[in-house]
Amino acid sequence: MFKQTALLFVCALALAACDSEKPKTTPQSAEARADNPMLKFQDETVGKAEKELNKGLENTQQRLNDADKQ
């Protein structure tokens, strides 16, 4: 049991050390995203998907509310 705990701790420590060495990227500005067609397409696709998910959530919530009323 002690060996497993020690091994898990060492793995977690190694992962934390690797993560801290990664270069931190700065978020891109809206202008840079608009200039890049792939990022623009990604933003549009994510926006459409988000709208569809919200519609589905609203529909599900409405159905649950209607079922509770019955």
N, C-alpha and C. Protein backbone atom coordinates (compact mmCIF):
# COMPACT_ATOMS: atom_id res chain seq x y z
N MET A 1 0.83 -1.19 0.00
CA MET A 1 0.00 0.00 0.00
C MET A 1 0.87 1.26 0.00
N PHE A 2 1.93 1.22 0.81
CA PHE A 2 2.83 2.37 0.88
C PHE A 2 3.52 2.61 -0.45
N LYS A 3 3.90 1.52 -1.13
CA LYS A 3 4.58 1.65 -2.42
C LYS A 3 3.66 2.30 -3.44
N GLN A 4 2.39 1.89 -3.45
CA GLN A 4 1.43 2.46 -4.39
C GLN A 4 1.22 3.94 -4.13
N THR A 5 1.10 4.31 -2.88
CA THR A 5 0.91 5.70 -2.52
C THR A 5 2.13 6.53 -2.90
N ALA A 6 3.30 6.00 -2.64
CA ALA A 6 4.53 6.71 -2.98
C ALA A 6 4.66 6.86 -4.49
N LEU A 7 4.34 5.80 -5.24
CA LEU A 7 4.42 5.86 -6.69
C LEU A 7 3.43 6.88 -7.25
N LEU A 8 2.22 6.89 -6.71
CA LEU A 8 1.21 7.85 -7.13
C LEU A 8 1.68 9.28 -6.84
N PHE A 9 2.26 9.49 -5.69
CA PHE A 9 2.76 10.81 -5.32
C PHE A 9 3.88 11.26 -6.25
N VAL A 10 4.78 10.35 -6.58
CA VAL A 10 5.89 10.68 -7.48
C VAL A 10 5.37 11.02 -8.87
N CYS A 11 4.39 10.26 -9.36
CA CYS A 11 3.81 10.54 -10.67
C CYS A 11 3.13 11.91 -10.68
N ALA A 12 2.38 12.21 -9.63
CA ALA A 12 1.71 13.51 -9.56
C ALA A 12 2.73 14.64 -9.50
N LEU A 13 3.79 14.44 -8.77
CA LEU A 13 4.84 15.45 -8.68
C LEU A 13 5.52 15.65 -10.03
N ALA A 14 5.77 14.57 -10.75
CA ALA A 14 6.40 14.67 -12.07
C ALA A 14 5.48 15.39 -13.06
N LEU A 15 4.20 15.08 -13.02
CA LEU A 15 3.25 15.76 -13.90
C LEU A 15 3.17 17.24 -13.59
N ALA A 16 3.18 17.58 -12.32
CA ALA A 16 3.13 18.99 -11.94
C ALA A 16 4.38 19.72 -12.41
N ALA A 17 5.52 19.06 -12.33
CA ALA A 17 6.77 19.69 -12.78
C ALA A 17 6.76 19.89 -14.29
N CYS A 18 6.24 18.91 -15.03
CA CYS A 18 6.17 19.04 -16.49
C CYS A 18 5.22 20.17 -16.89
N ASP A 19 4.12 20.27 -16.18
CA ASP A 19 3.12 21.29 -16.51
C ASP A 19 3.66 22.69 -16.25
N SER A 20 4.46 22.85 -15.21
CA SER A 20 4.97 24.19 -14.89
C SER A 20 6.01 24.65 -15.90
N GLU A 21 6.60 23.73 -16.66
CA GLU A 21 7.62 24.09 -17.64
C GLU A 21 7.01 24.50 -18.98
N LYS A 22 5.72 24.25 -19.17
CA LYS A 22 5.09 24.60 -20.44
C LYS A 22 5.06 26.12 -20.61
N PRO A 23 5.33 26.60 -21.80
CA PRO A 23 5.22 28.05 -22.02
C PRO A 23 3.75 28.46 -21.98
N LYS A 24 3.50 29.53 -21.32
CA LYS A 24 2.13 30.03 -21.22
C LYS A 24 1.83 30.87 -22.46
N THR A 25 0.74 30.56 -23.11
CA THR A 25 0.36 31.31 -24.31
C THR A 25 -0.62 32.40 -23.92
N THR A 26 -0.53 33.51 -24.60
CA THR A 26 -1.45 34.60 -24.34
C THR A 26 -2.68 34.43 -25.21
N PRO A 27 -3.84 34.78 -24.73
CA PRO A 27 -5.03 34.67 -25.56
C PRO A 27 -4.95 35.62 -26.74
N GLN A 28 -5.47 35.17 -27.86
CA GLN A 28 -5.41 36.00 -29.05
C GLN A 28 -6.48 37.08 -29.00
N SER A 29 -6.15 38.22 -29.56
CA SER A 29 -7.12 39.30 -29.58
C SER A 29 -8.20 39.00 -30.61
N ALA A 30 -9.30 39.70 -30.51
CA ALA A 30 -10.42 39.50 -31.44
C ALA A 30 -10.01 39.83 -32.86
N GLU A 31 -9.16 40.82 -33.03
CA GLU A 31 -8.70 41.20 -34.37
C GLU A 31 -7.90 40.08 -35.01
N ALA A 32 -7.02 39.46 -34.24
CA ALA A 32 -6.20 38.38 -34.78
C ALA A 32 -7.07 37.18 -35.14
N ARG A 33 -8.09 36.93 -34.34
CA ARG A 33 -8.98 35.81 -34.64
C ARG A 33 -9.78 36.09 -35.89
N ALA A 34 -10.19 37.33 -36.09
CA ALA A 34 -10.98 37.67 -37.28
C ALA A 34 -10.14 37.57 -38.54
N ASP A 35 -8.84 37.83 -38.43
CA ASP A 35 -7.95 37.76 -39.59
C ASP A 35 -7.63 36.33 -40.00
N ASN A 36 -7.74 35.40 -39.08
CA ASN A 36 -7.42 34.01 -39.37
C ASN A 36 -8.70 33.27 -39.74
N PRO A 37 -8.84 32.79 -40.98
CA PRO A 37 -10.09 32.15 -41.39
C PRO A 37 -10.41 30.88 -40.60
N MET A 38 -9.41 30.13 -40.20
CA MET A 38 -9.68 28.91 -39.44
C MET A 38 -10.22 29.24 -38.05
N LEU A 39 -9.64 30.25 -37.41
CA LEU A 39 -10.12 30.64 -36.09
C LEU A 39 -11.50 31.27 -36.18
N LYS A 40 -11.74 32.02 -37.25
CA LYS A 40 -13.06 32.62 -37.45
C LYS A 40 -14.10 31.52 -37.63
N PHE A 41 -13.78 30.52 -38.44
CA PHE A 41 -14.68 29.39 -38.65
C PHE A 41 -14.93 28.65 -37.33
N GLN A 42 -13.87 28.47 -36.55
CA GLN A 42 -14.00 27.79 -35.26
C GLN A 42 -14.93 28.58 -34.34
N ASP A 43 -14.75 29.89 -34.28
CA ASP A 43 -15.61 30.71 -33.43
C ASP A 43 -17.06 30.63 -33.87
N GLU A 44 -17.30 30.67 -35.19
CA GLU A 44 -18.67 30.59 -35.70
C GLU A 44 -19.28 29.23 -35.37
N THR A 45 -18.52 28.17 -35.55
CA THR A 45 -19.01 26.83 -35.28
C THR A 45 -19.32 26.65 -33.80
N VAL A 46 -18.43 27.13 -32.96
CA VAL A 46 -18.66 27.03 -31.52
C VAL A 46 -19.88 27.85 -31.12
N GLY A 47 -20.04 29.02 -31.72
CA GLY A 47 -21.21 29.85 -31.43
C GLY A 47 -22.50 29.16 -31.82
N LYS A 48 -22.52 28.53 -33.01
CA LYS A 48 -23.71 27.81 -33.45
C LYS A 48 -24.01 26.64 -32.53
N ALA A 49 -22.98 25.90 -32.16
CA ALA A 49 -23.17 24.75 -31.27
C ALA A 49 -23.68 25.20 -29.91
N GLU A 50 -23.17 26.31 -29.43
CA GLU A 50 -23.61 26.82 -28.13
C GLU A 50 -25.09 27.20 -28.17
N LYS A 51 -25.52 27.83 -29.27
CA LYS A 51 -26.92 28.20 -29.42
C LYS A 51 -27.81 26.96 -29.45
N GLU A 52 -27.38 25.93 -30.19
CA GLU A 52 -28.16 24.69 -30.27
C GLU A 52 -28.24 24.01 -28.91
N LEU A 53 -27.14 23.99 -28.18
CA LEU A 53 -27.15 23.40 -26.85
C LEU A 53 -28.09 24.15 -25.92
N ASN A 54 -28.05 25.48 -25.98
CA ASN A 54 -28.94 26.27 -25.13
C ASN A 54 -30.40 26.04 -25.47
N LYS A 55 -30.70 25.91 -26.77
CA LYS A 55 -32.08 25.60 -27.18
C LYS A 55 -32.51 24.25 -26.62
N GLY A 56 -31.62 23.27 -26.71
CA GLY A 56 -31.93 21.94 -26.18
C GLY A 56 -32.12 21.96 -24.68
N LEU A 57 -31.30 22.72 -23.98
CA LEU A 57 -31.45 22.83 -22.53
C LEU A 57 -32.77 23.49 -22.15
N GLU A 58 -33.12 24.55 -22.88
CA GLU A 58 -34.39 25.23 -22.61
C GLU A 58 -35.57 24.29 -22.88
N ASN A 59 -35.48 23.53 -23.97
CA ASN A 59 -36.55 22.59 -24.31
C ASN A 59 -36.68 21.52 -23.24
N THR A 60 -35.55 20.99 -22.80
CA THR A 60 -35.57 19.96 -21.76
C THR A 60 -36.11 20.52 -20.46
N GLN A 61 -35.70 21.72 -20.10
CA GLN A 61 -36.19 22.33 -18.87
C GLN A 61 -37.69 22.57 -18.95
N GLN A 62 -38.17 23.00 -20.11
CA GLN A 62 -39.61 23.22 -20.29
C GLN A 62 -40.37 21.91 -20.15
N ARG A 63 -39.84 20.84 -20.73
CA ARG A 63 -40.50 19.53 -20.62
C ARG A 63 -40.53 19.05 -19.17
N LEU A 64 -39.43 19.27 -18.45
CA LEU A 64 -39.40 18.88 -17.04
C LEU A 64 -40.41 19.68 -16.23
N ASN A 65 -40.50 20.97 -16.51
CA ASN A 65 -41.46 21.82 -15.81
C ASN A 65 -42.89 21.37 -16.12
N ASP A 66 -43.16 21.05 -17.39
CA ASP A 66 -44.49 20.58 -17.76
C ASP A 66 -44.82 19.24 -17.09
N ALA A 67 -43.83 18.36 -16.99
CA ALA A 67 -44.05 17.07 -16.35
C ALA A 67 -44.31 17.25 -14.86
N ASP A 68 -43.64 18.22 -14.23
CA ASP A 68 -43.86 18.47 -12.81
C ASP A 68 -45.26 19.01 -12.55
N LYS A 69 -45.80 19.76 -13.50
CA LYS A 69 -47.13 20.35 -13.33
C LYS A 69 -48.23 19.30 -13.42
N GLN A 70 -47.96 18.21 -14.12
CA GLN A 70 -49.00 17.18 -14.31
C GLN A 70 -49.17 16.30 -13.13
